[in-house]
Amino acid sequence: MSETPPLPVAFVDDEADIRAANEQSLLLAGYSPLLFERGEALLAAIDEGFEGVVVTDLRMPGLSGLDLFRRLRAMDADLPVILVTGHGDVATAVDALHEGVYDFIAKPYSAARLMDAVRRAGEKRRLVLENRRLRDLARQVDASDAPLIGESPAMQRLRHTIRQIADADVDVLVEGETGSGKEVVASALHHWSRRAPKPFVALNCGALPETVIESELFGHESGAFTGAAKRRVGRIEHSSGGTLFLDEIESMPAALQVKLLRVLETREVDPLGTNERRAVDLRVVAAAKVDLGAPEARAYFREDLFYRLNVVTVQIPPLRERGDDVPLLFATFLERAAKRFRREPPAISPGVIRHLREHDWPGNVRELVHFAERVALGIADVASRPEIPRAGLTLPERVDAFEADAIREALEENNGDVKLTIEALGIPRKTFYDKLQRHGISRKDFAGEA
């Protein structure tokens, strides 16, 4: 994963010493401060793509902090703005919360109080921008080719390879773990080739019993065996001119491996119940979830068939080796799942994003698809909040941080419902609201997904 750049924090105050002091605090906390003497200067410097948060004094010459917030809200309603107020302006700041101000800090305030507000606002901002970015990119993707999207070097090489060989009439062996998208690669090879107008015929060799798979592949004539009431065209013949995709080819019975090898060498098929051989314009894409070239595969898979199929081998990287592609893949699948379930795509929560980045995805793309479907249905079981670092905090600051976490957790569990949250915390209503103000917690952040 690429390292996250420092969060930009635009700090607006007409007093130079206050700007300088807060610049130092923000730098020490790992942020990237941008200092402005007037609100007008800030408006000229940023746009709706600003990746950070805004901290502004309420009372300033020219454009006041509240007017600045309203101008910023018109530009981007999701841009978090934190107001810094004097004691006499608290009532105004509380009213501003109802307008959409993210938080307010009453003077005098500690650096820890400001950093806590900035951290929470920054988490929200990054989440909003991540949702926007992923949704925009997901809408540009053909969902049928979704497992092939991504900008990791492995996926760029894979797409390049598929484009290079798609139009070449060579048989291809696709190797990859279960759920990695082998059929999607085979489909892309077909649709990006001159064979696209003809059928793409798929058969899972591990899903059919040996008594059935021979007829499925080679076809049969009427009366060829008991129950064969009418002629059946096999998958090989049906795919003529198009592409035959044989999934889990390592599961093919040994006797059929011999027959398939002969078809690959002669490009002719002889259905059951006839001695007639029929020419086929054949291209085979075979897929295996194991390395058929490994010595241990020799016990069950013919070496000559392996070399006949292995004209070109395409390796699909597992999802754990292209973690940077996971968020975009997930957003694509989430859009598709929401559409199928006739729901609005939910916002991607911090817990979901953390799960996307930390999980190893042993089931690969298939597992990611199912996770996206659970998120779309609102039943994904992921931790909702990241752990907040405690290093460097004094004991009172740690107690405050624990209390703030407990309140946020109770609000999140109860979807922002005040009555249920108070009951869960076991504190009086007035105490609850006092603590919300003290910790800068906004109840509306927990009132369901946006």
Protein backbone atom coordinates (compact mmCIF):
# COMPACT_ATOMS: atom_id res chain seq x y z
CA MET A 1 0.00 0.00 0.00
CA SER A 2 1.18 3.54 -0.69
CA GLU A 3 1.81 5.78 2.31
CA THR A 4 -0.99 8.20 3.13
CA PRO A 5 0.14 11.83 2.69
CA PRO A 6 -0.25 14.26 5.61
CA LEU A 7 -3.74 15.72 5.96
CA PRO A 8 -3.82 19.38 4.86
CA VAL A 9 -5.38 21.66 7.45
CA ALA A 10 -6.37 25.19 6.39
CA PHE A 11 -6.14 27.43 9.47
CA VAL A 12 -7.73 30.87 9.17
CA ASP A 13 -7.12 33.57 11.80
CA ASP A 14 -6.33 37.25 11.54
CA GLU A 15 -3.81 37.13 14.42
CA ALA A 16 -0.30 36.16 13.34
CA ASP A 17 0.80 34.77 16.72
CA ILE A 18 -2.22 32.44 16.88
CA ARG A 19 -1.50 31.21 13.34
CA ALA A 20 2.15 30.58 14.24
CA ALA A 21 1.33 28.70 17.46
CA ASN A 22 -1.23 26.45 15.81
CA GLU A 23 1.03 25.87 12.82
CA GLN A 24 3.61 24.41 15.21
CA SER A 25 1.03 22.20 16.92
CA LEU A 26 -0.29 20.91 13.60
CA LEU A 27 3.19 20.15 12.28
CA LEU A 28 4.11 18.24 15.44
CA ALA A 29 0.91 16.19 15.09
CA GLY A 30 1.85 15.21 11.53
CA TYR A 31 -0.51 17.49 9.60
CA SER A 32 0.23 19.84 6.72
CA PRO A 33 -0.90 23.32 7.84
CA LEU A 34 -1.97 25.99 5.35
CA LEU A 35 -2.22 29.40 6.99
CA PHE A 36 -4.56 32.22 5.93
CA GLU A 37 -5.12 35.66 7.44
CA ARG A 38 -8.52 36.15 5.81
CA GLY A 39 -11.32 33.91 4.64
CA GLU A 40 -11.20 35.50 1.20
CA ALA A 41 -7.64 34.24 0.74
CA LEU A 42 -8.69 30.69 1.61
CA LEU A 43 -11.55 30.76 -0.91
CA ALA A 44 -9.13 31.81 -3.62
CA ALA A 45 -6.73 28.97 -2.76
CA ILE A 46 -8.93 25.85 -2.57
CA ASP A 47 -11.75 24.19 -4.50
CA GLU A 48 -14.19 21.32 -4.00
CA GLY A 49 -11.33 18.84 -4.39
CA PHE A 50 -9.54 20.11 -1.26
CA GLU A 51 -8.47 17.00 0.60
CA GLY A 52 -8.27 18.44 4.09
CA VAL A 53 -10.29 20.28 6.71
CA VAL A 54 -10.78 23.93 7.55
CA VAL A 55 -10.31 25.51 10.97
CA THR A 56 -11.44 29.14 11.16
CA ASP A 57 -11.89 31.79 13.81
CA LEU A 58 -15.47 33.01 14.07
CA ARG A 59 -14.76 36.73 14.43
CA MET A 60 -12.49 38.15 11.72
CA PRO A 61 -12.34 41.34 9.67
CA GLY A 62 -14.12 41.05 6.34
CA LEU A 63 -15.60 37.60 5.90
CA SER A 64 -16.57 36.13 9.27
CA GLY A 65 -15.95 32.46 10.08
CA LEU A 66 -19.67 31.71 9.77
CA ASP A 67 -19.91 33.44 6.39
CA LEU A 68 -16.77 31.59 5.29
CA PHE A 69 -18.41 28.30 6.30
CA ARG A 70 -21.50 29.13 4.25
CA ARG A 71 -19.38 29.92 1.20
CA LEU A 72 -17.44 26.67 1.64
CA ARG A 73 -20.67 24.69 2.11
CA ALA A 74 -21.96 26.05 -1.21
CA MET A 75 -18.73 24.85 -2.83
CA ASP A 76 -18.70 21.43 -1.15
CA ALA A 77 -21.33 20.49 1.41
CA ASP A 78 -19.11 17.68 2.74
CA LEU A 79 -16.07 19.80 3.54
CA PRO A 80 -15.58 19.70 7.36
CA VAL A 81 -15.31 23.16 8.93
CA ILE A 82 -14.30 23.68 12.58
CA LEU A 83 -15.18 27.03 14.17
CA VAL A 84 -13.02 28.60 16.87
CA THR A 85 -15.16 30.80 19.13
CA GLY A 86 -14.87 33.07 22.13
CA HIS A 87 -16.91 32.37 25.26
CA GLY A 88 -19.58 34.85 24.26
CA ASP A 89 -20.09 33.19 20.83
CA VAL A 90 -20.82 29.65 22.00
CA ALA A 91 -24.56 30.04 21.36
CA THR A 92 -23.82 31.17 17.80
CA ALA A 93 -21.50 28.21 17.31
CA VAL A 94 -24.14 25.77 18.59
CA ASP A 95 -26.60 27.19 16.06
CA ALA A 96 -23.93 26.78 13.39
CA LEU A 97 -23.77 23.05 14.17
CA HIS A 98 -27.38 22.79 12.98
CA GLU A 99 -26.34 24.45 9.72
CA GLY A 100 -23.69 21.83 9.16
CA VAL A 101 -20.51 23.10 10.85
CA TYR A 102 -18.56 19.97 11.77
CA ASP A 103 -17.45 21.11 15.24
CA PHE A 104 -16.61 24.17 17.31
CA ILE A 105 -13.86 24.81 19.82
CA ALA A 106 -14.29 27.42 22.55
CA LYS A 107 -11.32 29.61 23.54
CA PRO A 108 -9.06 28.98 25.35
CA TYR A 109 -8.44 25.49 24.00
CA SER A 110 -5.61 22.99 24.30
CA ALA A 111 -3.61 21.69 21.38
CA ALA A 112 -4.96 18.21 22.22
CA ARG A 113 -8.56 19.43 21.83
CA LEU A 114 -7.79 20.94 18.43
CA MET A 115 -5.89 17.84 17.26
CA ASP A 116 -8.77 15.57 18.30
CA ALA A 117 -11.27 17.65 16.32
CA VAL A 118 -8.95 17.80 13.30
CA ARG A 119 -8.31 14.04 13.43
CA ARG A 120 -12.02 13.19 13.42
CA ALA A 121 -12.78 15.74 10.72
CA GLY A 122 -9.88 14.41 8.66
CA GLU A 123 -11.17 10.84 8.92
CA LYS A 124 -14.54 12.01 7.68
CA ARG A 125 -13.03 14.02 4.82
CA ARG A 126 -10.84 11.20 3.60
CA LEU A 127 -13.77 8.82 3.75
CA VAL A 128 -15.98 11.19 1.72
CA LEU A 129 -13.30 11.67 -0.93
CA GLU A 130 -12.54 7.94 -1.06
CA ASN A 131 -16.22 7.21 -1.61
CA ARG A 132 -16.40 9.81 -4.39
CA ARG A 133 -13.24 8.58 -6.09
CA LEU A 134 -14.20 4.93 -6.00
CA ARG A 135 -17.75 5.53 -7.17
CA ASP A 136 -16.57 7.67 -10.07
CA LEU A 137 -14.04 5.04 -11.12
CA ALA A 138 -16.47 2.17 -10.61
CA ARG A 139 -19.00 3.77 -12.95
CA GLN A 140 -16.35 3.85 -15.68
CA VAL A 141 -15.68 0.11 -15.42
CA ASP A 142 -17.42 -2.63 -17.37
CA ALA A 143 -18.54 -4.80 -14.46
CA SER A 144 -18.21 -7.96 -16.55
CA ASP A 145 -14.46 -7.35 -16.76
CA ALA A 146 -14.16 -6.18 -13.15
CA PRO A 147 -11.55 -8.71 -11.98
CA LEU A 148 -9.21 -7.35 -14.67
CA ILE A 149 -9.31 -3.76 -13.46
CA GLY A 150 -6.58 -2.26 -11.33
CA GLU A 151 -3.36 -0.35 -11.77
CA SER A 152 -0.99 -2.72 -9.95
CA PRO A 153 1.97 -3.77 -12.14
CA ALA A 154 0.71 -7.38 -12.15
CA MET A 155 -2.69 -6.37 -13.54
CA GLN A 156 -1.17 -4.06 -16.11
CA ARG A 157 1.00 -6.95 -17.32
CA LEU A 158 -2.00 -9.29 -17.36
CA ARG A 159 -4.12 -6.93 -19.47
CA HIS A 160 -1.22 -6.34 -21.84
CA THR A 161 -0.70 -10.11 -22.25
CA ILE A 162 -4.39 -10.74 -22.92
CA ARG A 163 -4.48 -7.98 -25.55
CA GLN A 164 -1.35 -9.36 -27.21
CA ILE A 165 -2.59 -12.95 -27.52
CA ALA A 166 -6.36 -12.42 -27.90
CA ASP A 167 -6.26 -12.43 -31.69
CA ALA A 168 -3.67 -15.18 -32.00
CA ASP A 169 -5.20 -18.61 -32.65
CA VAL A 170 -3.20 -20.33 -29.94
CA ASP A 171 -4.46 -22.44 -27.06
CA VAL A 172 -4.00 -20.81 -23.67
CA LEU A 173 -3.54 -22.22 -20.17
CA VAL A 174 -4.80 -19.91 -17.39
CA GLU A 175 -3.49 -20.56 -13.90
CA GLY A 176 -4.78 -18.96 -10.73
CA GLU A 177 -6.18 -19.66 -7.31
CA THR A 178 -9.85 -20.44 -6.74
CA GLY A 179 -11.98 -17.34 -7.21
CA SER A 180 -9.25 -15.30 -8.94
CA GLY A 181 -11.23 -14.73 -12.14
CA LYS A 182 -10.01 -17.38 -14.57
CA GLU A 183 -13.28 -17.47 -16.51
CA VAL A 184 -13.20 -13.68 -16.81
CA VAL A 185 -9.74 -13.91 -18.37
CA ALA A 186 -10.99 -16.58 -20.78
CA SER A 187 -14.00 -14.44 -21.65
CA ALA A 188 -11.75 -11.43 -22.28
CA LEU A 189 -9.56 -13.50 -24.59
CA HIS A 190 -12.69 -14.38 -26.54
CA HIS A 191 -14.34 -10.96 -26.63
CA TRP A 192 -11.12 -9.14 -27.53
CA SER A 193 -10.50 -11.47 -30.49
CA ARG A 194 -11.91 -11.92 -33.99
CA ARG A 195 -13.79 -14.93 -32.60
CA ALA A 196 -16.10 -12.70 -30.53
CA PRO A 197 -19.16 -13.06 -32.84
CA LYS A 198 -19.06 -16.85 -32.39
CA PRO A 199 -19.99 -18.76 -29.20
CA PHE A 200 -18.00 -18.65 -25.95
CA VAL A 201 -18.62 -22.16 -24.57
CA ALA A 202 -17.67 -22.96 -20.96
CA LEU A 203 -17.48 -26.31 -19.23
CA ASN A 204 -16.35 -27.03 -15.65
CA CYS A 205 -14.56 -30.36 -15.84
CA GLY A 206 -14.84 -30.88 -12.11
CA ALA A 207 -18.58 -30.34 -11.91
CA LEU A 208 -19.74 -33.26 -14.04
CA PRO A 209 -19.45 -37.01 -13.43
CA GLU A 210 -17.27 -39.05 -15.78
CA THR A 211 -20.32 -40.73 -17.34
CA VAL A 212 -21.68 -37.35 -18.47
CA ILE A 213 -18.66 -35.24 -19.31
CA GLU A 214 -17.68 -37.29 -22.38
CA SER A 215 -21.07 -36.73 -23.98
CA GLU A 216 -20.99 -33.06 -22.97
CA LEU A 217 -17.63 -32.54 -24.63
CA PHE A 218 -17.81 -34.71 -27.73
CA GLY A 219 -21.57 -35.04 -28.27
CA HIS A 220 -23.40 -38.20 -29.35
CA GLU A 221 -25.65 -39.62 -32.03
CA SER A 222 -29.17 -40.86 -31.42
CA GLY A 223 -29.04 -44.36 -29.90
CA ALA A 224 -25.34 -44.13 -29.05
CA PHE A 225 -26.12 -45.38 -25.53
CA THR A 226 -29.13 -46.15 -23.38
CA GLY A 227 -31.14 -42.97 -22.94
CA ALA A 228 -29.63 -41.20 -25.97
CA ALA A 229 -32.99 -40.53 -27.62
CA LYS A 230 -31.72 -37.83 -29.95
CA ARG A 231 -28.50 -36.44 -31.40
CA ARG A 232 -26.57 -33.97 -29.23
CA VAL A 233 -23.92 -31.55 -30.43
CA GLY A 234 -21.02 -31.55 -27.96
CA ARG A 235 -19.40 -28.47 -26.46
CA ILE A 236 -16.30 -28.84 -28.63
CA GLU A 237 -18.30 -28.83 -31.88
CA HIS A 238 -20.61 -26.09 -30.64
CA SER A 239 -17.62 -23.83 -29.93
CA SER A 240 -16.30 -24.12 -33.50
CA GLY A 241 -15.28 -20.66 -34.69
CA GLY A 242 -15.48 -19.36 -31.14
CA THR A 243 -13.74 -20.27 -27.88
CA LEU A 244 -13.96 -23.40 -25.71
CA PHE A 245 -13.23 -22.72 -22.04
CA LEU A 246 -12.39 -25.80 -19.96
CA ASP A 247 -12.30 -24.88 -16.26
CA GLU A 248 -10.65 -27.10 -13.63
CA ILE A 249 -9.09 -29.15 -16.38
CA GLU A 250 -6.94 -30.89 -13.78
CA SER A 251 -10.15 -32.74 -12.81
CA MET A 252 -10.67 -34.24 -16.27
CA PRO A 253 -10.67 -38.09 -16.21
CA ALA A 254 -7.56 -39.73 -17.68
CA ALA A 255 -9.46 -41.42 -20.51
CA LEU A 256 -10.89 -38.10 -21.67
CA GLN A 257 -7.46 -36.47 -21.49
CA VAL A 258 -6.37 -38.87 -24.25
CA LYS A 259 -9.40 -37.98 -26.42
CA LEU A 260 -8.94 -34.25 -25.84
CA LEU A 261 -5.27 -34.48 -26.80
CA ARG A 262 -6.27 -36.10 -30.11
CA VAL A 263 -8.82 -33.33 -30.78
CA LEU A 264 -6.22 -30.66 -30.07
CA GLU A 265 -3.74 -32.31 -32.44
CA THR A 266 -6.15 -33.02 -35.32
CA ARG A 267 -8.77 -30.28 -34.83
CA GLU A 268 -11.39 -32.97 -35.46
CA VAL A 269 -14.09 -34.42 -33.21
CA ASP A 270 -15.81 -37.82 -33.41
CA PRO A 271 -19.07 -37.91 -31.41
CA LEU A 272 -20.15 -41.04 -29.56
CA GLY A 273 -22.05 -43.51 -31.77
CA THR A 274 -20.37 -42.61 -35.08
CA ASN A 275 -17.07 -43.15 -36.87
CA GLU A 276 -17.47 -39.85 -38.70
CA ARG A 277 -14.92 -37.20 -37.88
CA ARG A 278 -15.93 -33.56 -38.10
CA ALA A 279 -13.49 -30.70 -38.52
CA VAL A 280 -13.72 -27.92 -35.92
CA ASP A 281 -12.27 -24.42 -35.91
CA LEU A 282 -11.12 -24.73 -32.34
CA ARG A 283 -9.50 -22.48 -29.80
CA VAL A 284 -9.16 -23.84 -26.26
CA VAL A 285 -8.62 -21.81 -23.13
CA ALA A 286 -8.02 -24.20 -20.23
CA ALA A 287 -7.91 -23.16 -16.58
CA ALA A 288 -6.35 -24.86 -13.59
CA LYS A 289 -6.11 -23.90 -9.94
CA VAL A 290 -2.88 -25.88 -9.58
CA ASP A 291 0.45 -25.80 -11.40
CA LEU A 292 0.08 -28.50 -14.03
CA GLY A 293 3.78 -28.22 -14.81
CA ALA A 294 4.75 -29.31 -11.30
CA PRO A 295 6.12 -32.88 -10.93
CA GLU A 296 3.35 -33.85 -8.50
CA ALA A 297 0.75 -33.14 -11.20
CA ARG A 298 2.18 -35.96 -13.35
CA ALA A 299 0.33 -38.53 -11.24
CA TYR A 300 -3.05 -37.45 -12.61
CA PHE A 301 -2.49 -35.15 -15.60
CA ARG A 302 -0.88 -36.22 -18.87
CA GLU A 303 2.41 -34.51 -19.58
CA ASP A 304 1.79 -34.47 -23.35
CA LEU A 305 -1.60 -32.80 -22.86
CA PHE A 306 -0.03 -30.23 -20.59
CA TYR A 307 2.56 -29.31 -23.22
CA ARG A 308 -0.10 -29.25 -25.93
CA LEU A 309 -2.20 -26.78 -23.93
CA ASN A 310 0.76 -24.82 -22.66
CA VAL A 311 1.38 -22.82 -25.83
CA VAL A 312 0.81 -19.66 -23.78
CA THR A 313 0.36 -19.58 -20.00
CA VAL A 314 -1.39 -16.70 -18.26
CA GLN A 315 -0.89 -16.34 -14.52
CA ILE A 316 -3.55 -14.49 -12.52
CA PRO A 317 -2.10 -12.93 -9.35
CA PRO A 318 -4.02 -13.60 -6.13
CA LEU A 319 -5.81 -10.64 -4.61
CA ARG A 320 -3.42 -10.48 -1.64
CA GLU A 321 -0.60 -9.59 -4.06
CA ARG A 322 -2.44 -6.61 -5.55
CA GLY A 323 -3.89 -4.95 -2.47
CA ASP A 324 -3.92 -1.50 -4.05
CA ASP A 325 -6.55 -2.74 -6.53
CA VAL A 326 -8.93 -4.01 -3.84
CA PRO A 327 -10.81 -0.74 -3.04
CA LEU A 328 -11.63 -0.06 -6.70
CA LEU A 329 -12.68 -3.67 -7.27
CA PHE A 330 -14.87 -3.49 -4.18
CA ALA A 331 -16.51 -0.24 -5.28
CA THR A 332 -17.29 -1.79 -8.67
CA PHE A 333 -18.87 -4.85 -7.07
CA LEU A 334 -20.76 -2.68 -4.56
CA GLU A 335 -22.31 -0.61 -7.35
CA ARG A 336 -23.30 -3.77 -9.19
CA ALA A 337 -24.73 -5.42 -6.04
CA ALA A 338 -26.70 -2.32 -5.04
CA LYS A 339 -28.22 -2.15 -8.51
CA ARG A 340 -29.15 -5.83 -8.40
CA PHE A 341 -30.73 -5.45 -4.95
CA ARG A 342 -32.45 -2.22 -6.04
CA ARG A 343 -30.80 -0.16 -3.32
CA GLU A 344 -28.74 2.99 -3.20
CA PRO A 345 -25.03 2.14 -2.85
CA PRO A 346 -24.15 2.73 0.82
CA ALA A 347 -21.27 4.93 1.85
CA ILE A 348 -18.09 2.94 2.40
CA SER A 349 -17.43 3.14 6.14
CA PRO A 350 -13.98 3.34 7.79
CA GLY A 351 -14.43 -0.20 9.09
CA VAL A 352 -15.10 -1.50 5.58
CA ILE A 353 -12.09 0.33 4.14
CA ARG A 354 -9.87 -1.03 6.92
CA HIS A 355 -11.15 -4.56 6.24
CA LEU A 356 -10.43 -4.14 2.52
CA ARG A 357 -6.85 -3.16 3.28
CA GLU A 358 -6.06 -5.64 6.05
CA HIS A 359 -7.82 -8.84 4.93
CA ASP A 360 -5.81 -11.42 2.93
CA TRP A 361 -8.75 -12.47 0.70
CA PRO A 362 -8.03 -16.21 0.48
CA GLY A 363 -11.16 -16.57 -1.69
CA ASN A 364 -9.83 -13.87 -4.03
CA VAL A 365 -12.24 -11.94 -6.26
CA ARG A 366 -15.15 -14.27 -5.53
CA GLU A 367 -14.81 -13.59 -1.79
CA LEU A 368 -14.62 -9.85 -2.45
CA VAL A 369 -17.81 -10.01 -4.54
CA HIS A 370 -19.67 -11.72 -1.69
CA PHE A 371 -18.35 -9.18 0.82
CA ALA A 372 -19.58 -6.33 -1.40
CA GLU A 373 -23.01 -7.96 -1.55
CA ARG A 374 -23.16 -8.14 2.27
CA VAL A 375 -22.18 -4.48 2.53
CA ALA A 376 -24.87 -3.55 0.00
CA LEU A 377 -27.41 -5.44 2.12
CA GLY A 378 -26.15 -3.79 5.33
CA ILE A 379 -25.14 -7.09 6.97
CA ALA A 380 -21.33 -6.96 6.73
CA ASP A 381 -19.68 -7.75 10.07
CA VAL A 382 -16.69 -5.41 10.31
CA ALA A 383 -15.29 -3.35 13.17
CA SER A 384 -16.67 0.15 12.90
CA ARG A 385 -13.88 2.33 14.28
CA PRO A 386 -10.11 2.31 14.06
CA GLU A 387 -8.07 2.15 17.23
CA ILE A 388 -6.82 5.59 18.31
CA PRO A 389 -3.11 5.72 19.29
CA ARG A 390 -2.55 6.44 23.00
CA ALA A 391 1.21 6.93 22.95
CA GLY A 392 2.33 10.27 24.36
CA LEU A 393 -0.94 11.07 26.14
CA THR A 394 -1.10 11.92 29.83
CA LEU A 395 -3.36 9.90 32.13
CA PRO A 396 -6.16 12.52 32.08
CA GLU A 397 -5.91 12.69 28.28
CA ARG A 398 -6.14 8.89 28.07
CA VAL A 399 -9.20 8.90 30.33
CA ASP A 400 -10.81 11.56 28.12
CA ALA A 401 -9.96 9.55 24.99
CA PHE A 402 -11.45 6.39 26.49
CA GLU A 403 -14.62 8.26 27.48
CA ALA A 404 -14.96 9.79 24.01
CA ASP A 405 -14.48 6.36 22.40
CA ALA A 406 -17.14 4.83 24.65
CA ILE A 407 -19.64 7.54 23.71
CA ARG A 408 -18.90 7.20 19.98
CA GLU A 409 -19.19 3.41 20.20
CA ALA A 410 -22.56 3.64 21.99
CA LEU A 411 -23.83 6.18 19.43
CA GLU A 412 -22.68 3.98 16.56
CA GLU A 413 -24.27 0.85 18.00
CA ASN A 414 -27.57 2.70 18.43
CA ASN A 415 -27.46 4.60 15.10
CA GLY A 416 -27.34 7.96 16.86
CA ASP A 417 -30.53 7.35 18.89
CA VAL A 418 -30.10 9.53 22.00
CA LYS A 419 -32.50 7.63 24.26
CA LEU A 420 -30.94 4.23 23.56
CA THR A 421 -27.40 5.64 23.81
CA ILE A 422 -28.09 7.24 27.21
CA GLU A 423 -29.55 3.98 28.47
CA ALA A 424 -26.51 2.06 27.24
CA LEU A 425 -24.10 4.50 28.88
CA GLY A 426 -26.14 4.80 32.11
CA ILE A 427 -25.73 8.58 32.44
CA PRO A 428 -28.22 11.45 32.73
CA ARG A 429 -29.30 13.26 29.57
CA LYS A 430 -27.68 16.57 30.60
CA THR A 431 -24.40 14.81 31.37
CA PHE A 432 -24.57 13.13 27.95
CA TYR A 433 -24.96 16.43 26.10
CA ASP A 434 -22.24 18.07 28.23
CA LYS A 435 -19.86 15.29 27.26
CA LEU A 436 -20.78 15.57 23.58
CA GLN A 437 -19.80 19.24 23.68
CA ARG A 438 -16.68 18.58 25.72
CA HIS A 439 -15.38 15.95 23.34
CA GLY A 440 -16.61 17.67 20.18
CA ILE A 441 -18.81 14.72 19.20
CA SER A 442 -21.58 15.36 16.70
CA ARG A 443 -24.54 12.98 17.07
CA LYS A 444 -25.51 13.39 13.40
CA ASP A 445 -22.31 11.56 12.39
CA PHE A 446 -23.87 8.38 13.76
CA ALA A 447 -27.43 8.70 12.47
CA GLY A 448 -27.14 5.96 9.84
CA GLU A 449 -25.12 5.75 6.62
CA ALA A 450 -25.07 8.68 4.24
